[in-house]
Amino acid sequence: MRSWQPFPDTAPALRRAHDAGLKLVIVSNTDRDIIEHSLRHLEVPFDHVQVAEDVGAYKPRDEVFVQALERFGEDPADVLHVAFGFKYDIGPAQRLGCQTAWINRHVESAPGEEKPDHEWRDLWGLADYAAAS
């Protein structure tokens, strides 16, 4: 995972979303060491970061999302959970009352029955969403 690099749109789109006023939070299935490596590559001002190591559980367990909402003090109705990993994120976030957006980079069919509120090909969709909000 340390060899993974962000997609070219990731950092600039996230910076644009942040500059438009969105809080940015990472909820990741990694550990602290790996996420710190990723954060150095992104150079984006995240408001909070939670990893599986913090929770003692991995997505798609609801507990991961419950703890994130509690830690960050957010009402699920005010959260847009944006995910590349459909089966690990969209269902649990929706069950807890969050809006969801699926980054469907490969134009795939949804691997589950859930219907995300938004579906974008890249993170520019989030930047556009933030600018319009």
N, C-alpha and C. Protein backbone atom coordinates (compact mmCIF):
# COMPACT_ATOMS: atom_id res chain seq x y z
N MET A 1 0.82 -1.20 0.00
CA MET A 1 0.00 0.00 0.00
C MET A 1 0.86 1.27 0.00
N ARG A 2 2.07 1.16 0.51
CA ARG A 2 2.92 2.35 0.53
C ARG A 2 3.35 2.76 -0.88
N SER A 3 3.24 1.87 -1.83
CA SER A 3 3.62 2.22 -3.21
C SER A 3 2.46 2.88 -3.96
N TRP A 4 1.26 2.83 -3.40
CA TRP A 4 0.11 3.43 -4.07
C TRP A 4 0.28 4.95 -4.11
N GLN A 5 -0.09 5.51 -5.23
CA GLN A 5 -0.07 6.96 -5.39
C GLN A 5 -1.51 7.43 -5.62
N PRO A 6 -1.83 8.65 -5.21
CA PRO A 6 -3.19 9.15 -5.45
C PRO A 6 -3.44 9.35 -6.94
N PHE A 7 -4.69 9.24 -7.33
CA PHE A 7 -5.07 9.57 -8.70
C PHE A 7 -4.78 11.05 -8.94
N PRO A 8 -4.51 11.45 -10.16
CA PRO A 8 -4.13 12.84 -10.43
C PRO A 8 -5.16 13.88 -9.98
N ASP A 9 -6.44 13.53 -9.98
CA ASP A 9 -7.48 14.48 -9.58
C ASP A 9 -7.65 14.59 -8.06
N THR A 10 -7.13 13.64 -7.31
CA THR A 10 -7.45 13.54 -5.89
C THR A 10 -7.06 14.79 -5.10
N ALA A 11 -5.81 15.14 -5.07
CA ALA A 11 -5.38 16.28 -4.24
C ALA A 11 -6.00 17.60 -4.69
N PRO A 12 -5.98 17.95 -5.98
CA PRO A 12 -6.57 19.24 -6.34
C PRO A 12 -8.08 19.30 -6.11
N ALA A 13 -8.78 18.20 -6.36
CA ALA A 13 -10.24 18.20 -6.14
C ALA A 13 -10.56 18.30 -4.65
N LEU A 14 -9.81 17.59 -3.81
CA LEU A 14 -10.05 17.68 -2.37
C LEU A 14 -9.72 19.07 -1.85
N ARG A 15 -8.64 19.69 -2.33
CA ARG A 15 -8.32 21.06 -1.91
C ARG A 15 -9.43 22.02 -2.32
N ARG A 16 -9.95 21.84 -3.52
CA ARG A 16 -11.04 22.71 -3.98
C ARG A 16 -12.29 22.52 -3.12
N ALA A 17 -12.61 21.27 -2.77
CA ALA A 17 -13.77 21.01 -1.90
C ALA A 17 -13.55 21.63 -0.52
N HIS A 18 -12.35 21.50 0.01
CA HIS A 18 -12.03 22.09 1.32
C HIS A 18 -12.13 23.62 1.25
N ASP A 19 -11.59 24.22 0.20
CA ASP A 19 -11.63 25.67 0.05
C ASP A 19 -13.06 26.18 -0.10
N ALA A 20 -13.96 25.32 -0.59
CA ALA A 20 -15.37 25.69 -0.73
C ALA A 20 -16.12 25.54 0.59
N GLY A 21 -15.43 25.04 1.64
CA GLY A 21 -16.05 24.98 2.96
C GLY A 21 -16.38 23.60 3.48
N LEU A 22 -16.11 22.55 2.73
CA LEU A 22 -16.40 21.20 3.23
C LEU A 22 -15.36 20.77 4.25
N LYS A 23 -15.82 20.11 5.30
CA LYS A 23 -14.90 19.42 6.20
C LYS A 23 -14.50 18.13 5.51
N LEU A 24 -13.24 17.80 5.58
CA LEU A 24 -12.75 16.57 4.97
C LEU A 24 -12.28 15.62 6.06
N VAL A 25 -12.81 14.40 6.02
CA VAL A 25 -12.50 13.38 7.02
C VAL A 25 -12.15 12.10 6.27
N ILE A 26 -11.12 11.42 6.74
CA ILE A 26 -10.77 10.11 6.19
C ILE A 26 -11.23 9.04 7.17
N VAL A 27 -11.92 8.03 6.66
CA VAL A 27 -12.27 6.83 7.42
C VAL A 27 -11.69 5.68 6.59
N SER A 28 -10.55 5.14 7.05
CA SER A 28 -9.78 4.22 6.23
C SER A 28 -9.63 2.85 6.88
N ASN A 29 -9.53 1.84 6.03
CA ASN A 29 -9.31 0.46 6.49
C ASN A 29 -7.83 0.15 6.64
N THR A 30 -7.01 1.14 6.90
CA THR A 30 -5.57 0.94 7.05
C THR A 30 -5.16 1.18 8.49
N ASP A 31 -3.84 1.27 8.70
CA ASP A 31 -3.34 1.63 10.03
C ASP A 31 -2.69 3.01 9.96
N ARG A 32 -2.28 3.53 11.11
CA ARG A 32 -1.72 4.88 11.20
C ARG A 32 -0.48 5.05 10.32
N ASP A 33 0.38 4.09 10.33
CA ASP A 33 1.62 4.19 9.56
C ASP A 33 1.34 4.36 8.06
N ILE A 34 0.43 3.58 7.56
CA ILE A 34 0.11 3.64 6.13
C ILE A 34 -0.60 4.94 5.78
N ILE A 35 -1.55 5.36 6.61
CA ILE A 35 -2.29 6.59 6.28
C ILE A 35 -1.38 7.81 6.36
N GLU A 36 -0.44 7.82 7.28
CA GLU A 36 0.50 8.95 7.36
C GLU A 36 1.31 9.06 6.08
N HIS A 37 1.70 7.94 5.52
CA HIS A 37 2.40 7.93 4.23
C HIS A 37 1.52 8.54 3.14
N SER A 38 0.26 8.13 3.09
CA SER A 38 -0.67 8.65 2.09
C SER A 38 -0.90 10.15 2.27
N LEU A 39 -1.03 10.59 3.50
CA LEU A 39 -1.28 12.01 3.76
C LEU A 39 -0.12 12.88 3.27
N ARG A 40 1.08 12.39 3.39
CA ARG A 40 2.25 13.15 2.89
C ARG A 40 2.17 13.34 1.38
N HIS A 41 1.63 12.36 0.66
CA HIS A 41 1.50 12.47 -0.80
C HIS A 41 0.36 13.40 -1.19
N LEU A 42 -0.68 13.45 -0.39
CA LEU A 42 -1.85 14.24 -0.74
C LEU A 42 -1.67 15.73 -0.45
N GLU A 43 -1.05 16.05 0.68
CA GLU A 43 -0.88 17.44 1.08
C GLU A 43 -2.20 18.20 1.06
N VAL A 44 -3.21 17.60 1.65
CA VAL A 44 -4.55 18.19 1.74
C VAL A 44 -4.88 18.38 3.21
N PRO A 45 -5.52 19.50 3.58
CA PRO A 45 -5.86 19.73 4.99
C PRO A 45 -7.10 18.95 5.44
N PHE A 46 -6.90 17.78 5.98
CA PHE A 46 -8.03 16.98 6.49
C PHE A 46 -8.38 17.44 7.90
N ASP A 47 -9.68 17.46 8.19
CA ASP A 47 -10.14 17.87 9.51
C ASP A 47 -9.98 16.76 10.54
N HIS A 48 -10.15 15.51 10.10
CA HIS A 48 -10.01 14.36 10.98
C HIS A 48 -9.57 13.16 10.14
N VAL A 49 -8.93 12.22 10.82
CA VAL A 49 -8.53 10.97 10.18
C VAL A 49 -8.79 9.84 11.18
N GLN A 50 -9.51 8.83 10.72
CA GLN A 50 -9.74 7.62 11.53
C GLN A 50 -9.33 6.42 10.70
N VAL A 51 -8.58 5.53 11.32
CA VAL A 51 -8.16 4.31 10.63
C VAL A 51 -8.68 3.10 11.41
N ALA A 52 -8.66 1.95 10.76
CA ALA A 52 -9.14 0.72 11.38
C ALA A 52 -8.40 0.44 12.69
N GLU A 53 -7.14 0.77 12.72
CA GLU A 53 -6.34 0.57 13.93
C GLU A 53 -6.94 1.34 15.12
N ASP A 54 -7.51 2.53 14.88
CA ASP A 54 -8.13 3.32 15.94
C ASP A 54 -9.38 2.65 16.50
N VAL A 55 -10.11 2.00 15.61
CA VAL A 55 -11.42 1.43 15.96
C VAL A 55 -11.32 -0.01 16.42
N GLY A 56 -10.34 -0.73 15.91
CA GLY A 56 -10.25 -2.16 16.19
C GLY A 56 -11.22 -2.95 15.35
N ALA A 57 -11.61 -2.38 14.20
CA ALA A 57 -12.56 -3.04 13.29
C ALA A 57 -12.35 -2.48 11.89
N TYR A 58 -12.83 -3.24 10.91
CA TYR A 58 -12.71 -2.85 9.51
C TYR A 58 -14.08 -2.62 8.90
N LYS A 59 -14.12 -1.71 7.92
CA LYS A 59 -15.32 -1.55 7.11
C LYS A 59 -15.53 -2.86 6.35
N PRO A 60 -16.72 -3.31 6.18
CA PRO A 60 -17.99 -2.61 6.22
C PRO A 60 -18.74 -2.67 7.55
N ARG A 61 -18.08 -3.04 8.64
CA ARG A 61 -18.79 -3.10 9.92
C ARG A 61 -19.33 -1.73 10.30
N ASP A 62 -20.58 -1.68 10.70
CA ASP A 62 -21.22 -0.42 11.07
C ASP A 62 -20.46 0.29 12.18
N GLU A 63 -19.83 -0.47 13.06
CA GLU A 63 -19.09 0.10 14.19
C GLU A 63 -18.06 1.14 13.73
N VAL A 64 -17.44 0.92 12.60
CA VAL A 64 -16.45 1.87 12.07
C VAL A 64 -17.10 3.23 11.83
N PHE A 65 -18.27 3.22 11.22
CA PHE A 65 -18.97 4.46 10.89
C PHE A 65 -19.58 5.10 12.13
N VAL A 66 -20.10 4.28 13.04
CA VAL A 66 -20.65 4.80 14.30
C VAL A 66 -19.57 5.54 15.06
N GLN A 67 -18.40 4.92 15.19
CA GLN A 67 -17.30 5.57 15.91
C GLN A 67 -16.85 6.84 15.22
N ALA A 68 -16.79 6.84 13.90
CA ALA A 68 -16.39 8.04 13.17
C ALA A 68 -17.36 9.19 13.45
N LEU A 69 -18.64 8.91 13.37
CA LEU A 69 -19.63 9.96 13.63
C LEU A 69 -19.53 10.47 15.06
N GLU A 70 -19.32 9.57 16.01
CA GLU A 70 -19.18 9.98 17.41
C GLU A 70 -17.90 10.79 17.62
N ARG A 71 -16.79 10.33 17.08
CA ARG A 71 -15.50 11.03 17.25
C ARG A 71 -15.53 12.43 16.68
N PHE A 72 -16.17 12.56 15.54
CA PHE A 72 -16.13 13.83 14.84
C PHE A 72 -17.34 14.70 15.13
N GLY A 73 -18.29 14.16 15.92
CA GLY A 73 -19.43 14.95 16.38
C GLY A 73 -20.36 15.40 15.27
N GLU A 74 -20.56 14.57 14.30
CA GLU A 74 -21.41 14.95 13.17
C GLU A 74 -22.73 14.19 13.18
N ASP A 75 -23.79 14.88 12.82
CA ASP A 75 -25.10 14.26 12.62
C ASP A 75 -25.04 13.55 11.26
N PRO A 76 -25.41 12.28 11.18
CA PRO A 76 -25.35 11.57 9.90
C PRO A 76 -26.07 12.29 8.77
N ALA A 77 -27.15 12.99 9.07
CA ALA A 77 -27.90 13.70 8.04
C ALA A 77 -27.07 14.82 7.40
N ASP A 78 -26.01 15.25 8.08
CA ASP A 78 -25.16 16.32 7.57
C ASP A 78 -23.91 15.80 6.89
N VAL A 79 -23.80 14.49 6.74
CA VAL A 79 -22.59 13.88 6.21
C VAL A 79 -22.82 13.35 4.79
N LEU A 80 -21.88 13.67 3.91
CA LEU A 80 -21.81 13.04 2.59
C LEU A 80 -20.59 12.13 2.63
N HIS A 81 -20.83 10.83 2.64
CA HIS A 81 -19.74 9.86 2.66
C HIS A 81 -19.37 9.53 1.22
N VAL A 82 -18.15 9.85 0.84
CA VAL A 82 -17.66 9.65 -0.52
C VAL A 82 -16.73 8.45 -0.51
N ALA A 83 -16.96 7.51 -1.43
CA ALA A 83 -16.19 6.26 -1.38
C ALA A 83 -15.88 5.73 -2.77
N PHE A 84 -14.70 5.15 -2.88
CA PHE A 84 -14.32 4.38 -4.06
C PHE A 84 -14.78 2.94 -3.87
N GLY A 85 -14.70 2.45 -2.63
CA GLY A 85 -15.04 1.07 -2.32
C GLY A 85 -16.52 0.90 -2.02
N PHE A 86 -17.29 0.60 -3.03
CA PHE A 86 -18.75 0.52 -2.91
C PHE A 86 -19.18 -0.42 -1.78
N LYS A 87 -18.72 -1.68 -1.84
CA LYS A 87 -19.26 -2.68 -0.91
C LYS A 87 -18.79 -2.48 0.52
N TYR A 88 -17.75 -1.71 0.73
CA TYR A 88 -17.26 -1.47 2.09
C TYR A 88 -17.81 -0.19 2.70
N ASP A 89 -18.39 0.68 1.89
CA ASP A 89 -18.75 2.01 2.38
C ASP A 89 -20.20 2.41 2.17
N ILE A 90 -20.73 2.20 1.00
CA ILE A 90 -22.03 2.78 0.66
C ILE A 90 -23.15 2.24 1.56
N GLY A 91 -23.25 0.94 1.70
CA GLY A 91 -24.31 0.36 2.54
C GLY A 91 -24.24 0.80 3.99
N PRO A 92 -23.09 0.64 4.66
CA PRO A 92 -23.02 1.05 6.06
C PRO A 92 -23.30 2.53 6.27
N ALA A 93 -22.78 3.39 5.41
CA ALA A 93 -23.02 4.83 5.55
C ALA A 93 -24.50 5.15 5.39
N GLN A 94 -25.15 4.50 4.44
CA GLN A 94 -26.58 4.74 4.24
C GLN A 94 -27.41 4.23 5.41
N ARG A 95 -27.05 3.05 5.94
CA ARG A 95 -27.80 2.50 7.08
C ARG A 95 -27.78 3.45 8.28
N LEU A 96 -26.71 4.22 8.41
CA LEU A 96 -26.60 5.16 9.52
C LEU A 96 -27.19 6.53 9.21
N GLY A 97 -27.71 6.71 8.01
CA GLY A 97 -28.39 7.95 7.67
C GLY A 97 -27.56 8.98 6.93
N CYS A 98 -26.38 8.61 6.46
CA CYS A 98 -25.52 9.52 5.69
C CYS A 98 -25.95 9.53 4.22
N GLN A 99 -25.72 10.64 3.56
CA GLN A 99 -25.79 10.66 2.11
C GLN A 99 -24.52 9.98 1.60
N THR A 100 -24.57 9.47 0.39
CA THR A 100 -23.40 8.78 -0.14
C THR A 100 -23.10 9.20 -1.57
N ALA A 101 -21.82 9.11 -1.90
CA ALA A 101 -21.37 9.32 -3.27
C ALA A 101 -20.35 8.24 -3.59
N TRP A 102 -20.53 7.62 -4.73
CA TRP A 102 -19.62 6.56 -5.18
C TRP A 102 -18.73 7.10 -6.28
N ILE A 103 -17.43 7.00 -6.08
CA ILE A 103 -16.47 7.35 -7.11
C ILE A 103 -16.27 6.11 -7.97
N ASN A 104 -16.97 6.06 -9.06
CA ASN A 104 -16.99 4.90 -9.95
C ASN A 104 -16.03 5.14 -11.11
N ARG A 105 -14.74 5.07 -10.82
CA ARG A 105 -13.70 5.39 -11.80
C ARG A 105 -13.70 4.46 -13.01
N HIS A 106 -14.15 3.25 -12.82
CA HIS A 106 -14.08 2.26 -13.90
C HIS A 106 -15.42 2.00 -14.58
N VAL A 107 -16.40 2.84 -14.30
CA VAL A 107 -17.73 2.75 -14.90
C VAL A 107 -18.28 1.33 -14.78
N GLU A 108 -18.32 0.86 -13.55
CA GLU A 108 -18.80 -0.49 -13.27
C GLU A 108 -20.26 -0.48 -12.84
N SER A 109 -20.90 -1.61 -12.90
CA SER A 109 -22.23 -1.76 -12.32
C SER A 109 -22.07 -1.82 -10.81
N ALA A 110 -23.03 -1.28 -10.11
CA ALA A 110 -22.98 -1.31 -8.65
C ALA A 110 -22.95 -2.76 -8.17
N PRO A 111 -22.02 -3.09 -7.27
CA PRO A 111 -21.92 -4.47 -6.79
C PRO A 111 -22.88 -4.79 -5.65
N GLY A 112 -23.78 -3.90 -5.36
CA GLY A 112 -24.75 -4.13 -4.30
C GLY A 112 -26.08 -3.52 -4.67
N GLU A 113 -27.07 -3.72 -3.83
CA GLU A 113 -28.42 -3.20 -4.10
C GLU A 113 -28.57 -1.73 -3.74
N GLU A 114 -27.67 -1.20 -2.94
CA GLU A 114 -27.76 0.18 -2.51
C GLU A 114 -27.64 1.12 -3.71
N LYS A 115 -28.27 2.25 -3.59
CA LYS A 115 -28.21 3.28 -4.63
C LYS A 115 -27.58 4.52 -4.01
N PRO A 116 -26.33 4.84 -4.37
CA PRO A 116 -25.72 6.05 -3.82
C PRO A 116 -26.49 7.29 -4.26
N ASP A 117 -26.43 8.33 -3.44
CA ASP A 117 -27.10 9.58 -3.78
C ASP A 117 -26.44 10.27 -4.97
N HIS A 118 -25.13 10.05 -5.11
CA HIS A 118 -24.36 10.63 -6.21
C HIS A 118 -23.42 9.55 -6.74
N GLU A 119 -23.13 9.64 -8.02
CA GLU A 119 -22.13 8.76 -8.62
C GLU A 119 -21.30 9.61 -9.56
N TRP A 120 -19.98 9.63 -9.28
CA TRP A 120 -19.07 10.44 -10.07
C TRP A 120 -17.94 9.57 -10.59
N ARG A 121 -17.32 9.96 -11.68
CA ARG A 121 -16.20 9.22 -12.27
C ARG A 121 -14.88 9.54 -11.58
N ASP A 122 -14.83 10.69 -10.89
CA ASP A 122 -13.61 11.10 -10.20
C ASP A 122 -14.00 12.08 -9.09
N LEU A 123 -13.01 12.59 -8.39
CA LEU A 123 -13.29 13.47 -7.26
C LEU A 123 -13.65 14.89 -7.68
N TRP A 124 -13.56 15.21 -8.96
CA TRP A 124 -14.03 16.52 -9.39
C TRP A 124 -15.53 16.67 -9.14
N GLY A 125 -16.24 15.54 -9.11
CA GLY A 125 -17.67 15.59 -8.76
C GLY A 125 -17.87 16.14 -7.36
N LEU A 126 -17.02 15.77 -6.42
CA LEU A 126 -17.11 16.30 -5.06
C LEU A 126 -16.77 17.79 -5.06
N ALA A 127 -15.76 18.18 -5.79
CA ALA A 127 -15.39 19.60 -5.85
C ALA A 127 -16.55 20.43 -6.39
N ASP A 128 -17.20 19.92 -7.45
CA ASP A 128 -18.34 20.62 -8.02
C ASP A 128 -19.51 20.68 -7.04
N TYR A 129 -19.73 19.57 -6.34
CA TYR A 129 -20.78 19.50 -5.31
C TYR A 129 -20.53 20.57 -4.24
N ALA A 130 -19.29 20.67 -3.78
CA ALA A 130 -18.93 21.63 -2.73
C ALA A 130 -19.13 23.06 -3.22
N ALA A 131 -18.75 23.31 -4.45
CA ALA A 131 -18.89 24.66 -5.00
C ALA A 131 -20.35 25.07 -5.13
N ALA A 132 -21.24 24.09 -5.39
CA ALA A 132 -22.66 24.37 -5.57
C ALA A 132 -23.41 24.45 -4.24
N SER A 133 -22.81 23.96 -3.16
CA SER A 133 -23.50 23.93 -1.85
C SER A 133 -23.43 25.25 -1.14
